[in-house]
Amino acid sequence: MARSGFLYTDPNWVEQVVQATGGGVDVVISGTGANVAEALGCLEPGGRIAVFGSSAGRTATFEVPSLYFGLFAISGTTLGSPTDFGQMLQFVEKHQIRPVIDSTWADQSRIQAEASPEARKPPG
């Protein structure tokens, strides 16, 4: 289960991941694409990266030995077909699955909300 999320646009995100986890993670799920090299730095030995998008760019460059010395795996996924998505929506509706919303903020309060200590705590 994910306990935290990290913003890839923060220049220190890899260090934040390593520090928050005490050494790295088993899996990185990335919609950014181009930051595969940085994502490799977040992994524990034998870790995996699943890439489902390329919002940060279509090309990634990294040192190939880091893959085999780290025993890492990189895989790509589309996260399912349009049919899969439709079935997921039907499942959510049928079982009345609703997200947990901890709090809401007006648009102009977004910066204040993100700075709030509560913003860093998962609900529940």
N, C-alpha and C. Protein backbone atom coordinates (compact mmCIF):
# COMPACT_ATOMS: atom_id res chain seq x y z
N MET A 1 0.84 -1.17 0.00
CA MET A 1 0.00 0.00 0.00
C MET A 1 0.89 1.24 0.00
N ALA A 2 0.58 2.18 -0.83
CA ALA A 2 1.33 3.45 -0.87
C ALA A 2 1.04 4.25 0.39
N ARG A 3 2.08 4.83 0.96
CA ARG A 3 1.92 5.67 2.15
C ARG A 3 2.27 7.12 1.88
N SER A 4 2.93 7.36 0.77
CA SER A 4 3.35 8.72 0.44
C SER A 4 3.40 8.87 -1.07
N GLY A 5 3.44 10.10 -1.49
CA GLY A 5 3.65 10.42 -2.89
C GLY A 5 4.69 11.53 -2.96
N PHE A 6 5.38 11.62 -4.06
CA PHE A 6 6.45 12.59 -4.20
C PHE A 6 6.32 13.28 -5.55
N LEU A 7 6.61 14.55 -5.58
CA LEU A 7 6.45 15.37 -6.77
C LEU A 7 7.75 15.34 -7.59
N TYR A 8 7.70 14.73 -8.78
CA TYR A 8 8.90 14.56 -9.59
C TYR A 8 9.51 15.88 -10.03
N THR A 9 8.77 16.96 -9.98
CA THR A 9 9.32 18.26 -10.37
C THR A 9 10.16 18.88 -9.26
N ASP A 10 10.10 18.33 -8.06
CA ASP A 10 10.95 18.80 -6.96
C ASP A 10 12.36 18.26 -7.23
N PRO A 11 13.38 19.11 -7.27
CA PRO A 11 14.73 18.64 -7.59
C PRO A 11 15.28 17.63 -6.58
N ASN A 12 14.71 17.53 -5.41
CA ASN A 12 15.20 16.61 -4.39
C ASN A 12 14.28 15.41 -4.17
N TRP A 13 13.42 15.12 -5.14
CA TRP A 13 12.43 14.07 -4.91
C TRP A 13 13.04 12.71 -4.67
N VAL A 14 14.14 12.37 -5.35
CA VAL A 14 14.76 11.06 -5.15
C VAL A 14 15.27 10.93 -3.72
N GLU A 15 15.96 11.95 -3.24
CA GLU A 15 16.47 11.94 -1.87
C GLU A 15 15.31 11.86 -0.86
N GLN A 16 14.21 12.54 -1.18
CA GLN A 16 13.04 12.50 -0.29
C GLN A 16 12.48 11.08 -0.19
N VAL A 17 12.43 10.39 -1.33
CA VAL A 17 11.93 9.02 -1.34
C VAL A 17 12.83 8.12 -0.51
N VAL A 18 14.13 8.22 -0.76
CA VAL A 18 15.08 7.36 -0.05
C VAL A 18 15.03 7.64 1.45
N GLN A 19 14.97 8.91 1.82
CA GLN A 19 14.92 9.28 3.24
C GLN A 19 13.61 8.82 3.88
N ALA A 20 12.49 9.05 3.21
CA ALA A 20 11.19 8.70 3.79
C ALA A 20 11.02 7.20 3.96
N THR A 21 11.69 6.42 3.12
CA THR A 21 11.51 4.96 3.16
C THR A 21 12.66 4.24 3.85
N GLY A 22 13.68 4.98 4.23
CA GLY A 22 14.82 4.34 4.88
C GLY A 22 15.67 3.53 3.92
N GLY A 23 15.67 3.90 2.66
CA GLY A 23 16.55 3.22 1.72
C GLY A 23 16.02 3.03 0.32
N GLY A 24 14.75 3.19 0.11
CA GLY A 24 14.21 3.04 -1.24
C GLY A 24 12.91 2.27 -1.24
N VAL A 25 12.32 2.15 -2.41
CA VAL A 25 11.02 1.50 -2.56
C VAL A 25 11.13 0.27 -3.44
N ASP A 26 10.12 -0.57 -3.37
CA ASP A 26 10.05 -1.76 -4.21
C ASP A 26 9.57 -1.44 -5.61
N VAL A 27 8.63 -0.47 -5.71
CA VAL A 27 7.99 -0.17 -6.99
C VAL A 27 7.81 1.34 -7.14
N VAL A 28 8.13 1.83 -8.34
CA VAL A 28 7.80 3.20 -8.74
C VAL A 28 6.77 3.08 -9.85
N ILE A 29 5.65 3.76 -9.70
CA ILE A 29 4.62 3.81 -10.74
C ILE A 29 4.69 5.21 -11.31
N SER A 30 5.09 5.31 -12.57
CA SER A 30 5.41 6.62 -13.14
C SER A 30 4.60 6.93 -14.38
N GLY A 31 4.01 8.11 -14.39
CA GLY A 31 3.34 8.61 -15.57
C GLY A 31 4.18 9.64 -16.30
N THR A 32 5.43 9.81 -15.87
CA THR A 32 6.25 10.88 -16.42
C THR A 32 7.19 10.44 -17.54
N GLY A 33 7.62 9.20 -17.55
CA GLY A 33 8.44 8.69 -18.63
C GLY A 33 9.90 9.07 -18.59
N ALA A 34 10.21 10.31 -18.85
CA ALA A 34 11.60 10.74 -19.05
C ALA A 34 12.45 10.66 -17.79
N ASN A 35 11.87 10.53 -16.63
CA ASN A 35 12.67 10.51 -15.41
C ASN A 35 12.98 9.10 -14.92
N VAL A 36 13.10 8.16 -15.82
CA VAL A 36 13.41 6.79 -15.44
C VAL A 36 14.75 6.72 -14.70
N ALA A 37 15.74 7.49 -15.13
CA ALA A 37 17.04 7.47 -14.46
C ALA A 37 16.90 7.86 -13.00
N GLU A 38 16.14 8.90 -12.74
CA GLU A 38 15.92 9.32 -11.36
C GLU A 38 15.12 8.27 -10.60
N ALA A 39 14.12 7.70 -11.22
CA ALA A 39 13.30 6.68 -10.56
C ALA A 39 14.14 5.48 -10.16
N LEU A 40 15.13 5.12 -10.98
CA LEU A 40 16.03 4.03 -10.62
C LEU A 40 16.73 4.30 -9.30
N GLY A 41 17.03 5.57 -9.03
CA GLY A 41 17.69 5.95 -7.79
C GLY A 41 16.81 5.80 -6.56
N CYS A 42 15.52 5.59 -6.77
CA CYS A 42 14.57 5.41 -5.66
C CYS A 42 14.39 3.96 -5.26
N LEU A 43 14.88 3.04 -6.09
CA LEU A 43 14.57 1.63 -5.90
C LEU A 43 15.54 0.91 -4.96
N GLU A 44 14.99 -0.04 -4.22
CA GLU A 44 15.80 -1.00 -3.50
C GLU A 44 16.25 -2.05 -4.51
N PRO A 45 17.30 -2.83 -4.21
CA PRO A 45 17.70 -3.90 -5.13
C PRO A 45 16.52 -4.79 -5.49
N GLY A 46 16.40 -5.09 -6.78
CA GLY A 46 15.31 -5.92 -7.26
C GLY A 46 14.02 -5.15 -7.51
N GLY A 47 14.06 -3.83 -7.38
CA GLY A 47 12.87 -3.01 -7.55
C GLY A 47 12.40 -2.92 -8.99
N ARG A 48 11.18 -2.42 -9.14
CA ARG A 48 10.56 -2.33 -10.47
C ARG A 48 10.01 -0.94 -10.71
N ILE A 49 9.99 -0.57 -11.97
CA ILE A 49 9.37 0.68 -12.40
C ILE A 49 8.30 0.31 -13.42
N ALA A 50 7.08 0.79 -13.21
CA ALA A 50 6.00 0.62 -14.17
C ALA A 50 5.72 2.01 -14.76
N VAL A 51 5.85 2.14 -16.06
CA VAL A 51 5.67 3.41 -16.74
C VAL A 51 4.36 3.36 -17.53
N PHE A 52 3.49 4.36 -17.29
CA PHE A 52 2.22 4.38 -18.00
C PHE A 52 2.00 5.68 -18.76
N GLY A 53 3.00 6.54 -18.82
CA GLY A 53 2.83 7.80 -19.53
C GLY A 53 4.16 8.46 -19.80
N SER A 54 4.09 9.62 -20.44
CA SER A 54 5.32 10.34 -20.80
C SER A 54 5.13 11.85 -20.65
N SER A 55 4.49 12.25 -19.56
CA SER A 55 4.20 13.68 -19.37
C SER A 55 5.45 14.54 -19.23
N ALA A 56 6.57 13.96 -18.80
CA ALA A 56 7.81 14.73 -18.65
C ALA A 56 8.72 14.57 -19.87
N GLY A 57 8.30 13.79 -20.82
CA GLY A 57 9.09 13.60 -22.04
C GLY A 57 9.05 12.16 -22.51
N ARG A 58 9.36 11.99 -23.79
CA ARG A 58 9.26 10.67 -24.42
C ARG A 58 10.57 9.89 -24.41
N THR A 59 11.66 10.53 -24.02
CA THR A 59 12.97 9.89 -24.07
C THR A 59 13.58 9.86 -22.68
N ALA A 60 14.12 8.69 -22.31
CA ALA A 60 14.81 8.54 -21.03
C ALA A 60 16.22 8.04 -21.29
N THR A 61 17.19 8.59 -20.57
CA THR A 61 18.58 8.18 -20.70
C THR A 61 19.10 7.77 -19.33
N PHE A 62 19.72 6.60 -19.26
CA PHE A 62 20.29 6.13 -18.00
C PHE A 62 21.43 5.17 -18.30
N GLU A 63 22.22 4.91 -17.29
CA GLU A 63 23.33 3.98 -17.41
C GLU A 63 22.79 2.55 -17.35
N VAL A 64 22.97 1.78 -18.41
CA VAL A 64 22.43 0.43 -18.49
C VAL A 64 22.94 -0.47 -17.35
N PRO A 65 24.21 -0.39 -16.95
CA PRO A 65 24.65 -1.26 -15.84
C PRO A 65 23.83 -1.09 -14.56
N SER A 66 23.23 0.08 -14.37
CA SER A 66 22.41 0.25 -13.17
C SER A 66 21.24 -0.73 -13.16
N LEU A 67 20.76 -1.11 -14.35
CA LEU A 67 19.67 -2.08 -14.42
C LEU A 67 20.10 -3.44 -13.90
N TYR A 68 21.21 -3.97 -14.44
CA TYR A 68 21.56 -5.33 -14.04
C TYR A 68 22.27 -5.39 -12.70
N PHE A 69 23.03 -4.37 -12.34
CA PHE A 69 23.64 -4.38 -11.01
C PHE A 69 22.60 -4.20 -9.91
N GLY A 70 21.55 -3.45 -10.20
CA GLY A 70 20.48 -3.27 -9.22
C GLY A 70 19.41 -4.33 -9.29
N LEU A 71 19.52 -5.23 -10.28
CA LEU A 71 18.51 -6.26 -10.50
C LEU A 71 17.13 -5.65 -10.69
N PHE A 72 17.09 -4.49 -11.39
CA PHE A 72 15.85 -3.74 -11.60
C PHE A 72 15.11 -4.23 -12.83
N ALA A 73 13.83 -3.92 -12.88
CA ALA A 73 12.99 -4.22 -14.04
C ALA A 73 12.15 -2.99 -14.36
N ILE A 74 12.03 -2.71 -15.66
CA ILE A 74 11.19 -1.60 -16.13
C ILE A 74 10.14 -2.19 -17.06
N SER A 75 8.88 -1.86 -16.82
CA SER A 75 7.84 -2.34 -17.70
C SER A 75 6.91 -1.19 -18.07
N GLY A 76 6.27 -1.34 -19.19
CA GLY A 76 5.33 -0.34 -19.65
C GLY A 76 3.92 -0.90 -19.62
N THR A 77 2.96 -0.02 -19.41
CA THR A 77 1.57 -0.44 -19.38
C THR A 77 0.69 0.72 -19.86
N THR A 78 -0.42 0.37 -20.42
CA THR A 78 -1.40 1.40 -20.80
C THR A 78 -2.47 1.53 -19.75
N LEU A 79 -2.37 0.74 -18.70
CA LEU A 79 -3.35 0.72 -17.61
C LEU A 79 -4.71 0.22 -18.08
N GLY A 80 -4.72 -0.52 -19.15
CA GLY A 80 -5.98 -1.10 -19.61
C GLY A 80 -6.52 -0.42 -20.84
N SER A 81 -7.50 -1.08 -21.41
CA SER A 81 -8.15 -0.59 -22.62
C SER A 81 -9.33 0.31 -22.26
N PRO A 82 -9.90 0.99 -23.24
CA PRO A 82 -11.13 1.74 -22.97
C PRO A 82 -12.25 0.85 -22.42
N THR A 83 -12.30 -0.39 -22.87
CA THR A 83 -13.30 -1.33 -22.34
C THR A 83 -13.04 -1.61 -20.87
N ASP A 84 -11.75 -1.82 -20.52
CA ASP A 84 -11.39 -2.03 -19.11
C ASP A 84 -11.81 -0.85 -18.26
N PHE A 85 -11.58 0.36 -18.75
CA PHE A 85 -11.94 1.56 -18.02
C PHE A 85 -13.45 1.63 -17.79
N GLY A 86 -14.22 1.32 -18.82
CA GLY A 86 -15.67 1.31 -18.70
C GLY A 86 -16.14 0.29 -17.68
N GLN A 87 -15.52 -0.88 -17.68
CA GLN A 87 -15.88 -1.91 -16.70
C GLN A 87 -15.53 -1.47 -15.28
N MET A 88 -14.40 -0.77 -15.14
CA MET A 88 -14.02 -0.26 -13.82
C MET A 88 -15.04 0.76 -13.34
N LEU A 89 -15.48 1.65 -14.22
CA LEU A 89 -16.49 2.64 -13.83
C LEU A 89 -17.80 1.96 -13.42
N GLN A 90 -18.19 0.93 -14.15
CA GLN A 90 -19.40 0.18 -13.78
C GLN A 90 -19.24 -0.48 -12.42
N PHE A 91 -18.08 -1.03 -12.15
CA PHE A 91 -17.79 -1.67 -10.87
C PHE A 91 -17.88 -0.66 -9.73
N VAL A 92 -17.28 0.51 -9.93
CA VAL A 92 -17.30 1.57 -8.92
C VAL A 92 -18.74 2.00 -8.64
N GLU A 93 -19.53 2.15 -9.68
CA GLU A 93 -20.92 2.56 -9.51
C GLU A 93 -21.74 1.46 -8.83
N LYS A 94 -21.58 0.23 -9.29
CA LYS A 94 -22.34 -0.89 -8.73
C LYS A 94 -22.09 -1.06 -7.24
N HIS A 95 -20.83 -0.92 -6.84
CA HIS A 95 -20.46 -1.14 -5.43
C HIS A 95 -20.40 0.16 -4.63
N GLN A 96 -20.84 1.24 -5.26
CA GLN A 96 -20.90 2.56 -4.63
C GLN A 96 -19.58 2.93 -3.94
N ILE A 97 -18.50 2.72 -4.65
CA ILE A 97 -17.18 3.06 -4.14
C ILE A 97 -16.99 4.56 -4.25
N ARG A 98 -16.64 5.18 -3.16
CA ARG A 98 -16.44 6.63 -3.11
C ARG A 98 -15.09 6.94 -2.49
N PRO A 99 -14.38 7.91 -3.01
CA PRO A 99 -13.08 8.26 -2.42
C PRO A 99 -13.26 8.89 -1.05
N VAL A 100 -12.24 8.74 -0.23
CA VAL A 100 -12.22 9.41 1.07
C VAL A 100 -11.66 10.80 0.84
N ILE A 101 -12.43 11.82 1.18
CA ILE A 101 -11.98 13.20 1.02
C ILE A 101 -11.78 13.78 2.41
N ASP A 102 -10.53 14.03 2.71
CA ASP A 102 -10.14 14.51 4.03
C ASP A 102 -10.59 15.94 4.27
N SER A 103 -10.39 16.80 3.28
CA SER A 103 -10.77 18.20 3.42
C SER A 103 -10.84 18.83 2.04
N THR A 104 -11.48 19.97 1.96
CA THR A 104 -11.53 20.73 0.71
C THR A 104 -11.10 22.16 0.99
N TRP A 105 -10.56 22.81 -0.03
CA TRP A 105 -10.05 24.17 0.10
C TRP A 105 -10.49 24.97 -1.11
N ALA A 106 -10.75 26.24 -0.93
CA ALA A 106 -11.07 27.12 -2.04
C ALA A 106 -9.82 27.29 -2.90
N ASP A 107 -10.00 27.58 -4.18
CA ASP A 107 -8.87 27.69 -5.11
C ASP A 107 -7.79 28.63 -4.59
N GLN A 108 -8.17 29.77 -4.06
CA GLN A 108 -7.18 30.74 -3.62
C GLN A 108 -6.42 30.26 -2.38
N SER A 109 -6.90 29.21 -1.72
CA SER A 109 -6.24 28.69 -0.52
C SER A 109 -5.36 27.47 -0.83
N ARG A 110 -5.19 27.14 -2.10
CA ARG A 110 -4.44 25.94 -2.47
C ARG A 110 -3.04 25.93 -1.89
N ILE A 111 -2.33 27.03 -1.99
CA ILE A 111 -0.96 27.08 -1.48
C ILE A 111 -0.95 26.86 0.02
N GLN A 112 -1.89 27.48 0.72
CA GLN A 112 -2.00 27.29 2.17
C GLN A 112 -2.31 25.82 2.48
N ALA A 113 -3.18 25.22 1.71
CA ALA A 113 -3.55 23.82 1.94
C ALA A 113 -2.35 22.90 1.74
N GLU A 114 -1.57 23.13 0.69
CA GLU A 114 -0.42 22.28 0.43
C GLU A 114 0.66 22.44 1.49
N ALA A 115 0.74 23.62 2.11
CA ALA A 115 1.73 23.87 3.15
C ALA A 115 1.29 23.33 4.50
N SER A 116 0.02 23.02 4.64
CA SER A 116 -0.53 22.56 5.91
C SER A 116 0.08 21.23 6.31
N PRO A 117 0.44 21.06 7.59
CA PRO A 117 0.92 19.75 8.06
C PRO A 117 -0.10 18.65 7.79
N GLU A 118 -1.37 19.00 7.80
CA GLU A 118 -2.42 18.02 7.55
C GLU A 118 -2.36 17.48 6.12
N ALA A 119 -1.81 18.26 5.20
CA ALA A 119 -1.72 17.84 3.80
C ALA A 119 -0.76 16.68 3.64
N ARG A 120 0.12 16.48 4.59
CA ARG A 120 1.10 15.40 4.50
C ARG A 120 0.65 14.13 5.20
N LYS A 121 -0.49 14.16 5.85
CA LYS A 121 -0.99 13.00 6.58
C LYS A 121 -2.10 12.33 5.77
N PRO A 122 -2.02 11.02 5.63
CA PRO A 122 -3.15 10.34 4.96
C PRO A 122 -4.36 10.36 5.88
N PRO A 123 -5.56 10.45 5.30
CA PRO A 123 -6.76 10.41 6.14
C PRO A 123 -6.93 9.05 6.78
N GLY A 124 -7.57 9.02 7.92
CA GLY A 124 -7.89 7.74 8.56
C GLY A 124 -7.01 7.39 9.70
